[in-house]
Amino acid sequence: MNRLVFMILLCPTLLWARYVPSDLSYITCRKEIEKDLKKYIDNPDWHRSVDPQVNVKSFKSPTDTFGRWIEIQSFPDPYLFVFDSEQTYIYQYSSKKCDYITSSSTKPLDFFKKKFKKSFTDLKLKKIVNTDKFSLIYIWSPQMTYSMSEMNVFKKVAEELGLNFIPVLDYTQDPDEAKKSLSYYNMDIEIVSLQSLELTMRATLVHFPVSFVVGAGKISSKIYGVYTNDLLSDLIQKEISNMKLRGSK
């Protein structure tokens, strides 16, 4: 009987844990945040994000809509952000009454405002993800030497494993300047700039290269940094095996 009572008391906590990270169990206005979260997602998959300032934690999660992500920030008056390629929804809650200080939509993230000759968007990503054939997406930057010097290694290993190799340029870099770097390394590839929110949120673009295996309706965990041919081959095959075991992306 005591155990039953304990489980009943515990259930609200377990239910809430579905919606926010355990590290944010102290956050104010939890019920109000949960109500808004339910508009976008049923079962969040939280990842630690870059904290906006000291003593404020930030977590992000994909939603039930491809190319849309949510982020919670634990300010005293907490924030909930909903990001997609067209606009950003902002909710801020008053810690006193838990009503909205802000509930509005604004322009999309800055990198969507840039115009490139050729862009790798969420629309393109989704088409590749939904094909049966696996591909390796390689996000590179001319500012990171290894992402230039090791690109051909990733291309060779991917193609040996039967994957399409898709290099995508960091959106902060100028394509014309990147072309000069490619020339220095004697590489001739099409320059396509990253404008995929889905990949940007997954990659946490600080160091390059960052790679993903995609296909069969799924996206792998990120492959960070460079490897020997054998280690890279093993890692890609492991990611493919894991993807085949998972349900949705």
Protein backbone atom coordinates (compact mmCIF):
# COMPACT_ATOMS: atom_id res chain seq x y z
CA MET A 1 0.00 0.00 0.00
CA ASN A 2 2.79 2.40 0.95
CA ARG A 3 4.55 1.58 -2.30
CA LEU A 4 1.37 2.36 -4.26
CA VAL A 5 1.01 5.72 -2.53
CA PHE A 6 4.65 6.49 -3.29
CA MET A 7 4.19 5.70 -6.98
CA ILE A 8 1.08 7.88 -7.17
CA LEU A 9 2.98 10.78 -5.64
CA LEU A 10 5.89 10.15 -7.97
CA CYS A 11 3.85 10.04 -11.17
CA PRO A 12 3.53 13.83 -11.66
CA THR A 13 7.32 14.11 -11.35
CA LEU A 14 7.86 11.34 -13.89
CA LEU A 15 5.34 12.93 -16.23
CA TRP A 16 7.07 16.28 -15.97
CA ALA A 17 10.44 14.63 -16.58
CA ARG A 18 9.16 13.73 -20.04
CA TYR A 19 8.94 17.40 -20.89
CA VAL A 20 11.95 19.10 -19.29
CA PRO A 21 15.50 17.95 -18.54
CA SER A 22 16.08 16.74 -14.99
CA ASP A 23 18.67 19.50 -14.59
CA LEU A 24 15.85 22.02 -14.96
CA SER A 25 13.45 20.47 -12.46
CA TYR A 26 13.71 23.68 -10.41
CA ILE A 27 12.58 25.96 -13.24
CA THR A 28 9.67 28.27 -12.48
CA CYS A 29 6.33 28.16 -14.34
CA ARG A 30 6.71 24.50 -15.18
CA LYS A 31 3.03 23.84 -15.88
CA GLU A 32 2.82 26.80 -18.26
CA ILE A 33 6.00 25.76 -20.08
CA GLU A 34 4.71 22.19 -20.35
CA LYS A 35 1.45 23.42 -21.85
CA ASP A 36 3.32 25.30 -24.59
CA LEU A 37 5.76 22.45 -25.17
CA LYS A 38 2.86 20.10 -25.89
CA LYS A 39 1.94 22.24 -28.91
CA TYR A 40 5.18 21.18 -30.59
CA ILE A 41 6.39 17.89 -29.19
CA ASP A 42 5.21 14.81 -27.33
CA ASN A 43 8.51 13.33 -26.16
CA PRO A 44 11.49 15.75 -26.13
CA ASP A 45 15.03 14.51 -26.70
CA TRP A 46 16.97 17.12 -24.75
CA HIS A 47 20.55 18.10 -25.53
CA ARG A 48 22.64 20.59 -23.59
CA SER A 49 23.02 23.83 -25.52
CA VAL A 50 25.38 26.78 -25.12
CA ASP A 51 24.41 28.63 -21.94
CA PRO A 52 23.49 32.28 -22.63
CA GLN A 53 25.14 33.46 -19.41
CA VAL A 54 26.53 32.29 -16.06
CA ASN A 55 24.01 30.42 -13.88
CA VAL A 56 21.53 30.09 -16.73
CA LYS A 57 21.20 26.64 -18.29
CA SER A 58 20.01 25.99 -21.81
CA PHE A 59 18.66 22.79 -23.39
CA LYS A 60 17.41 22.11 -26.90
CA SER A 61 15.40 19.34 -28.54
CA PRO A 62 14.08 18.43 -31.98
CA THR A 63 10.30 18.53 -32.30
CA ASP A 64 7.75 16.40 -34.11
CA THR A 65 8.21 18.63 -37.19
CA PHE A 66 11.36 18.14 -39.28
CA GLY A 67 13.48 21.31 -39.25
CA ARG A 68 11.88 22.73 -36.10
CA TRP A 69 13.64 22.80 -32.71
CA ILE A 70 12.80 24.06 -29.23
CA GLU A 71 15.07 25.52 -26.58
CA ILE A 72 14.52 26.25 -22.88
CA GLN A 73 16.62 28.79 -20.96
CA SER A 74 16.43 28.89 -17.18
CA PHE A 75 16.42 32.64 -16.57
CA PRO A 76 14.50 33.74 -13.43
CA ASP A 77 11.77 34.63 -15.95
CA PRO A 78 12.30 31.55 -18.13
CA TYR A 79 12.29 31.45 -21.92
CA LEU A 80 10.98 28.92 -24.40
CA PHE A 81 12.10 29.36 -28.02
CA VAL A 82 10.73 27.56 -31.08
CA PHE A 83 13.01 27.78 -34.12
CA ASP A 84 12.36 26.97 -37.77
CA SER A 85 13.59 28.31 -41.09
CA GLU A 86 10.76 30.85 -41.42
CA GLN A 87 10.41 32.40 -37.99
CA THR A 88 11.26 32.19 -34.30
CA TYR A 89 8.55 31.90 -31.64
CA ILE A 90 9.44 33.40 -28.27
CA TYR A 91 7.69 32.69 -24.99
CA GLN A 92 8.84 34.34 -21.76
CA TYR A 93 7.10 33.67 -18.48
CA SER A 94 6.79 35.95 -15.47
CA SER A 95 8.19 34.24 -12.39
CA LYS A 96 5.62 36.06 -10.24
CA LYS A 97 2.37 35.12 -11.98
CA CYS A 98 3.59 32.73 -14.71
CA ASP A 99 1.73 34.71 -17.32
CA TYR A 100 3.43 35.75 -20.54
CA ILE A 101 5.89 38.61 -20.54
CA THR A 102 6.36 37.82 -24.23
CA SER A 103 4.46 35.56 -26.59
CA SER A 104 5.31 36.46 -30.14
CA SER A 105 7.00 35.44 -33.36
CA THR A 106 9.91 37.19 -34.97
CA LYS A 107 12.30 36.74 -37.90
CA PRO A 108 14.25 33.49 -38.29
CA LEU A 109 17.80 33.03 -37.04
CA ASP A 110 20.38 35.28 -38.67
CA PHE A 111 21.93 32.66 -40.91
CA PHE A 112 18.64 32.23 -42.80
CA LYS A 113 18.84 35.87 -43.87
CA LYS A 114 21.97 35.23 -45.93
CA LYS A 115 21.53 34.59 -49.62
CA PHE A 116 23.83 32.06 -51.25
CA LYS A 117 24.02 30.92 -54.86
CA LYS A 118 23.62 27.35 -53.66
CA SER A 119 22.25 26.38 -50.25
CA PHE A 120 21.75 23.13 -48.39
CA THR A 121 18.33 23.59 -46.79
CA ASP A 122 16.08 21.46 -44.59
CA LEU A 123 14.02 20.70 -47.68
CA LYS A 124 17.06 19.20 -49.41
CA LEU A 125 18.11 17.41 -46.25
CA LYS A 126 14.69 15.84 -45.79
CA LYS A 127 14.71 14.46 -49.34
CA ILE A 128 18.10 12.83 -48.73
CA VAL A 129 17.08 11.52 -45.31
CA ASN A 130 14.01 9.87 -46.81
CA THR A 131 15.92 7.96 -49.50
CA ASP A 132 16.90 4.33 -49.00
CA LYS A 133 20.54 5.00 -49.86
CA PHE A 134 22.79 6.32 -47.09
CA SER A 135 24.83 9.49 -47.53
CA LEU A 136 27.62 11.14 -45.55
CA ILE A 137 27.14 14.88 -45.04
CA TYR A 138 30.48 16.57 -44.35
CA ILE A 139 30.27 20.11 -42.91
CA TRP A 140 33.56 21.91 -43.49
CA SER A 141 35.18 25.30 -43.02
CA PRO A 142 38.25 26.83 -44.71
CA GLN A 143 39.12 28.24 -41.27
CA MET A 144 39.76 24.73 -39.94
CA THR A 145 42.80 23.11 -41.56
CA TYR A 146 41.80 19.53 -40.78
CA SER A 147 38.39 19.93 -42.38
CA MET A 148 40.20 20.85 -45.61
CA SER A 149 43.11 18.42 -45.52
CA GLU A 150 41.01 15.41 -44.50
CA MET A 151 38.03 15.95 -46.79
CA ASN A 152 39.31 13.50 -49.39
CA VAL A 153 39.74 10.85 -46.68
CA PHE A 154 36.05 11.15 -45.75
CA LYS A 155 35.07 11.12 -49.42
CA LYS A 156 37.14 8.00 -50.16
CA VAL A 157 35.85 6.06 -47.13
CA ALA A 158 32.24 7.06 -47.76
CA GLU A 159 32.35 5.99 -51.38
CA GLU A 160 34.08 2.71 -50.52
CA LEU A 161 31.16 1.98 -48.19
CA GLY A 162 28.65 2.84 -50.92
CA LEU A 163 27.56 6.17 -49.45
CA ASN A 164 27.03 9.41 -51.32
CA PHE A 165 29.48 12.07 -50.14
CA ILE A 166 27.93 15.52 -49.66
CA PRO A 167 30.27 18.35 -48.60
CA VAL A 168 28.50 21.39 -47.12
CA LEU A 169 30.19 24.70 -46.31
CA ASP A 170 29.85 26.36 -42.89
CA TYR A 171 27.30 29.16 -43.36
CA THR A 172 29.56 31.75 -41.68
CA GLN A 173 32.13 31.45 -44.46
CA ASP A 174 32.19 33.39 -47.73
CA PRO A 175 31.86 30.96 -50.68
CA ASP A 176 34.35 32.93 -52.81
CA GLU A 177 36.99 32.77 -50.10
CA ALA A 178 36.24 29.08 -49.56
CA LYS A 179 36.82 28.49 -53.28
CA LYS A 180 40.36 29.88 -52.92
CA SER A 181 41.05 27.44 -50.09
CA LEU A 182 39.80 24.55 -52.21
CA SER A 183 42.17 25.61 -54.96
CA TYR A 184 45.10 25.57 -52.51
CA TYR A 185 44.29 21.96 -51.62
CA ASN A 186 43.70 21.02 -55.28
CA MET A 187 40.09 20.05 -54.60
CA ASP A 188 37.29 20.57 -57.06
CA ILE A 189 33.91 20.32 -55.35
CA GLU A 190 30.68 22.20 -55.67
CA ILE A 191 30.33 24.83 -52.93
CA VAL A 192 26.97 24.52 -51.21
CA SER A 193 26.38 26.58 -48.05
CA LEU A 194 24.62 25.23 -44.96
CA GLN A 195 21.15 26.65 -44.35
CA SER A 196 19.61 23.69 -42.58
CA LEU A 197 18.31 24.39 -39.10
CA GLU A 198 18.07 20.65 -38.45
CA LEU A 199 21.80 20.11 -39.02
CA THR A 200 22.85 23.37 -37.39
CA MET A 201 21.06 22.45 -34.18
CA ARG A 202 22.49 18.94 -34.20
CA ALA A 203 26.05 19.93 -35.06
CA THR A 204 26.81 22.74 -32.57
CA LEU A 205 29.13 24.34 -35.11
CA VAL A 206 32.26 25.30 -33.19
CA HIS A 207 34.93 23.03 -34.68
CA PHE A 208 35.05 21.35 -38.07
CA PRO A 209 34.59 18.95 -39.68
CA VAL A 210 31.26 17.66 -38.39
CA SER A 211 29.68 14.78 -40.28
CA PHE A 212 26.37 12.92 -40.29
CA VAL A 213 25.21 9.71 -41.88
CA VAL A 214 21.69 10.18 -43.25
CA GLY A 215 19.21 7.95 -45.04
CA ALA A 216 16.39 5.46 -44.52
CA GLY A 217 14.44 8.15 -42.66
CA LYS A 218 17.13 8.77 -40.05
CA ILE A 219 20.02 11.03 -39.07
CA SER A 220 23.01 9.64 -37.18
CA SER A 221 24.76 11.06 -34.18
CA LYS A 222 27.34 13.62 -35.18
CA ILE A 223 30.78 12.39 -36.18
CA TYR A 224 33.12 14.98 -34.78
CA GLY A 225 36.68 15.56 -35.99
CA VAL A 226 38.99 13.44 -38.16
CA TYR A 227 40.05 9.78 -38.08
CA THR A 228 42.22 7.27 -39.84
CA ASN A 229 40.57 5.49 -42.76
CA ASP A 230 39.95 2.31 -40.79
CA LEU A 231 38.56 4.05 -37.72
CA LEU A 232 36.33 6.27 -39.83
CA SER A 233 35.03 3.26 -41.76
CA ASP A 234 34.24 1.43 -38.51
CA LEU A 235 32.53 4.49 -37.06
CA ILE A 236 30.34 5.05 -40.12
CA GLN A 237 29.32 1.39 -40.19
CA LYS A 238 28.51 1.54 -36.47
CA GLU A 239 26.31 4.58 -37.03
CA ILE A 240 24.48 2.83 -39.87
CA SER A 241 23.89 -0.21 -37.66
CA ASN A 242 22.53 2.00 -34.89
CA MET A 243 20.27 3.81 -37.36
CA LYS A 244 18.84 0.52 -38.58
CA LEU A 245 18.01 -0.43 -34.98
CA ARG A 246 16.23 2.87 -34.26
CA GLY A 247 12.70 3.73 -35.23
CA SER A 248 12.31 7.29 -36.48
CA LYS A 249 15.17 9.76 -37.04
